Amino acid sequence: MYLGLIIAFIMIFGSIWALLTDNLFKAIVIFGIVSLSSSVMFLLMQAPDVAITEAAIGSGITTALFIFTYKKLEDRKDER
């Protein structure tokens, strides 16, 4: 029970922190942490299939795609 409350606090705190930060890369990393926390929460709610999907797509592929896009934008900024 307490573990669920701690994870919920991490998710809420991380979401607010990602919204308020000025650094885009930091916001992307925090988004990945919130998504990974969400997959742990699904696991605690005894939904392992949803947890695996959230871990793979939500925190894995989506975060990697955001970081790749961020790096491409930084490269274009440097060219100008």
C-alpha atoms as a PDB file:
ATOM      1  CA  MET A   1       0.000   0.000   0.000  1.00  0.00           C
ATOM      2  CA  TYR A   2       2.739   2.434   0.915  1.00  0.00           C
ATOM      3  CA  LEU A   3       4.677   1.571  -2.212  1.00  0.00           C
ATOM      4  CA  GLY A   4       1.704   2.614  -4.340  1.00  0.00           C
ATOM      5  CA  LEU A   5       1.503   5.953  -2.533  1.00  0.00           C
ATOM      6  CA  ILE A   6       5.214   6.570  -3.023  1.00  0.00           C
ATOM      7  CA  ILE A   7       4.987   5.802  -6.731  1.00  0.00           C
ATOM      8  CA  ALA A   8       1.913   8.012  -7.075  1.00  0.00           C
ATOM      9  CA  PHE A   9       3.817  10.840  -5.377  1.00  0.00           C
ATOM     10  CA  ILE A  10       6.757  10.333  -7.744  1.00  0.00           C
ATOM     11  CA  MET A  11       4.398  10.469 -10.722  1.00  0.00           C
ATOM     12  CA  ILE A  12       2.654  13.646  -9.561  1.00  0.00           C
ATOM     13  CA  PHE A  13       5.892  15.381  -8.548  1.00  0.00           C
ATOM     14  CA  GLY A  14       7.606  14.351 -11.801  1.00  0.00           C
ATOM     15  CA  SER A  15       4.725  15.544 -13.946  1.00  0.00           C
ATOM     16  CA  ILE A  16       4.700  18.958 -12.294  1.00  0.00           C
ATOM     17  CA  TRP A  17       8.502  19.168 -12.505  1.00  0.00           C
ATOM     18  CA  ALA A  18       8.456  18.299 -16.225  1.00  0.00           C
ATOM     19  CA  LEU A  19       5.899  21.034 -16.853  1.00  0.00           C
ATOM     20  CA  LEU A  20       7.800  23.688 -14.934  1.00  0.00           C
ATOM     21  CA  THR A  21      11.353  22.997 -16.120  1.00  0.00           C
ATOM     22  CA  ASP A  22      12.945  25.196 -18.759  1.00  0.00           C
ATOM     23  CA  ASN A  23      15.340  22.527 -20.017  1.00  0.00           C
ATOM     24  CA  LEU A  24      13.674  20.402 -22.698  1.00  0.00           C
ATOM     25  CA  PHE A  25      16.066  17.462 -22.344  1.00  0.00           C
ATOM     26  CA  LYS A  26      15.454  17.332 -18.600  1.00  0.00           C
ATOM     27  CA  ALA A  27      11.693  17.325 -19.241  1.00  0.00           C
ATOM     28  CA  ILE A  28      12.072  14.377 -21.620  1.00  0.00           C
ATOM     29  CA  VAL A  29      14.051  12.367 -19.065  1.00  0.00           C
ATOM     30  CA  ILE A  30      11.513  13.178 -16.337  1.00  0.00           C
ATOM     31  CA  PHE A  31       8.738  12.079 -18.708  1.00  0.00           C
ATOM     32  CA  GLY A  32      10.506   8.727 -19.070  1.00  0.00           C
ATOM     33  CA  ILE A  33      10.731   8.358 -15.301  1.00  0.00           C
ATOM     34  CA  VAL A  34       7.025   9.148 -14.896  1.00  0.00           C
ATOM     35  CA  SER A  35       6.169   6.627 -17.587  1.00  0.00           C
ATOM     36  CA  LEU A  36       8.327   3.967 -15.936  1.00  0.00           C
ATOM     37  CA  SER A  37       6.630   4.722 -12.612  1.00  0.00           C
ATOM     38  CA  SER A  38       3.306   4.263 -14.357  1.00  0.00           C
ATOM     39  CA  SER A  39       4.334   0.804 -15.523  1.00  0.00           C
ATOM     40  CA  VAL A  40       5.324  -0.128 -11.954  1.00  0.00           C
ATOM     41  CA  MET A  41       1.939   1.123 -10.772  1.00  0.00           C
ATOM     42  CA  PHE A  42       0.203  -1.107 -13.323  1.00  0.00           C
ATOM     43  CA  LEU A  43       2.256  -4.011 -12.046  1.00  0.00           C
ATOM     44  CA  LEU A  44       1.136  -3.275  -8.485  1.00  0.00           C
ATOM     45  CA  MET A  45      -2.481  -3.258  -9.700  1.00  0.00           C
ATOM     46  CA  GLN A  46      -1.879  -6.795 -11.009  1.00  0.00           C
ATOM     47  CA  ALA A  47      -2.042  -5.896 -14.692  1.00  0.00           C
ATOM     48  CA  PRO A  48       1.273  -7.287 -15.959  1.00  0.00           C
ATOM     49  CA  ASP A  49       0.304  -7.153 -19.638  1.00  0.00           C
ATOM     50  CA  VAL A  50      -0.439  -3.433 -19.425  1.00  0.00           C
ATOM     51  CA  ALA A  51       2.727  -2.880 -17.372  1.00  0.00           C
ATOM     52  CA  ILE A  52       4.914  -4.567 -19.985  1.00  0.00           C
ATOM     53  CA  THR A  53       3.291  -2.573 -22.775  1.00  0.00           C
ATOM     54  CA  GLU A  54       3.713   0.696 -20.880  1.00  0.00           C
ATOM     55  CA  ALA A  55       7.340  -0.092 -20.082  1.00  0.00           C
ATOM     56  CA  ALA A  56       8.172  -1.022 -23.659  1.00  0.00           C
ATOM     57  CA  ILE A  57       6.263   1.648 -25.531  1.00  0.00           C
ATOM     58  CA  GLY A  58       5.709   4.414 -22.995  1.00  0.00           C
ATOM     59  CA  SER A  59       9.044   4.617 -21.271  1.00  0.00           C
ATOM     60  CA  GLY A  60      11.178   2.881 -23.875  1.00  0.00           C
ATOM     61  CA  ILE A  61      10.284   3.710 -27.445  1.00  0.00           C
ATOM     62  CA  THR A  62       8.568   7.046 -26.835  1.00  0.00           C
ATOM     63  CA  THR A  63      11.367   8.421 -24.672  1.00  0.00           C
ATOM     64  CA  ALA A  64      13.983   7.237 -27.169  1.00  0.00           C
ATOM     65  CA  LEU A  65      12.040   8.872 -30.008  1.00  0.00           C
ATOM     66  CA  PHE A  66      11.792  12.147 -28.073  1.00  0.00           C
ATOM     67  CA  ILE A  67      15.535  12.123 -27.334  1.00  0.00           C
ATOM     68  CA  PHE A  68      16.335  11.349 -30.988  1.00  0.00           C
ATOM     69  CA  THR A  69      14.123  14.230 -32.120  1.00  0.00           C
ATOM     70  CA  TYR A  70      15.679  16.554 -29.552  1.00  0.00           C
ATOM     71  CA  LYS A  71      19.186  15.706 -30.780  1.00  0.00           C
ATOM     72  CA  LYS A  72      18.137  16.344 -34.391  1.00  0.00           C
ATOM     73  CA  LEU A  73      16.725  19.741 -33.419  1.00  0.00           C
ATOM     74  CA  GLU A  74      19.955  20.611 -31.584  1.00  0.00           C
ATOM     75  CA  ASP A  75      21.989  19.638 -34.667  1.00  0.00           C
ATOM     76  CA  ARG A  76      19.859  21.895 -36.858  1.00  0.00           C
ATOM     77  CA  LYS A  77      20.243  24.719 -34.362  1.00  0.00           C
ATOM     78  CA  ASP A  78      24.020  24.367 -34.550  1.00  0.00           C
ATOM     79  CA  GLU A  79      23.953  24.535 -38.373  1.00  0.00           C
ATOM     80  CA  ARG A  80      22.279  27.930 -38.308  1.00  0.00           C
END
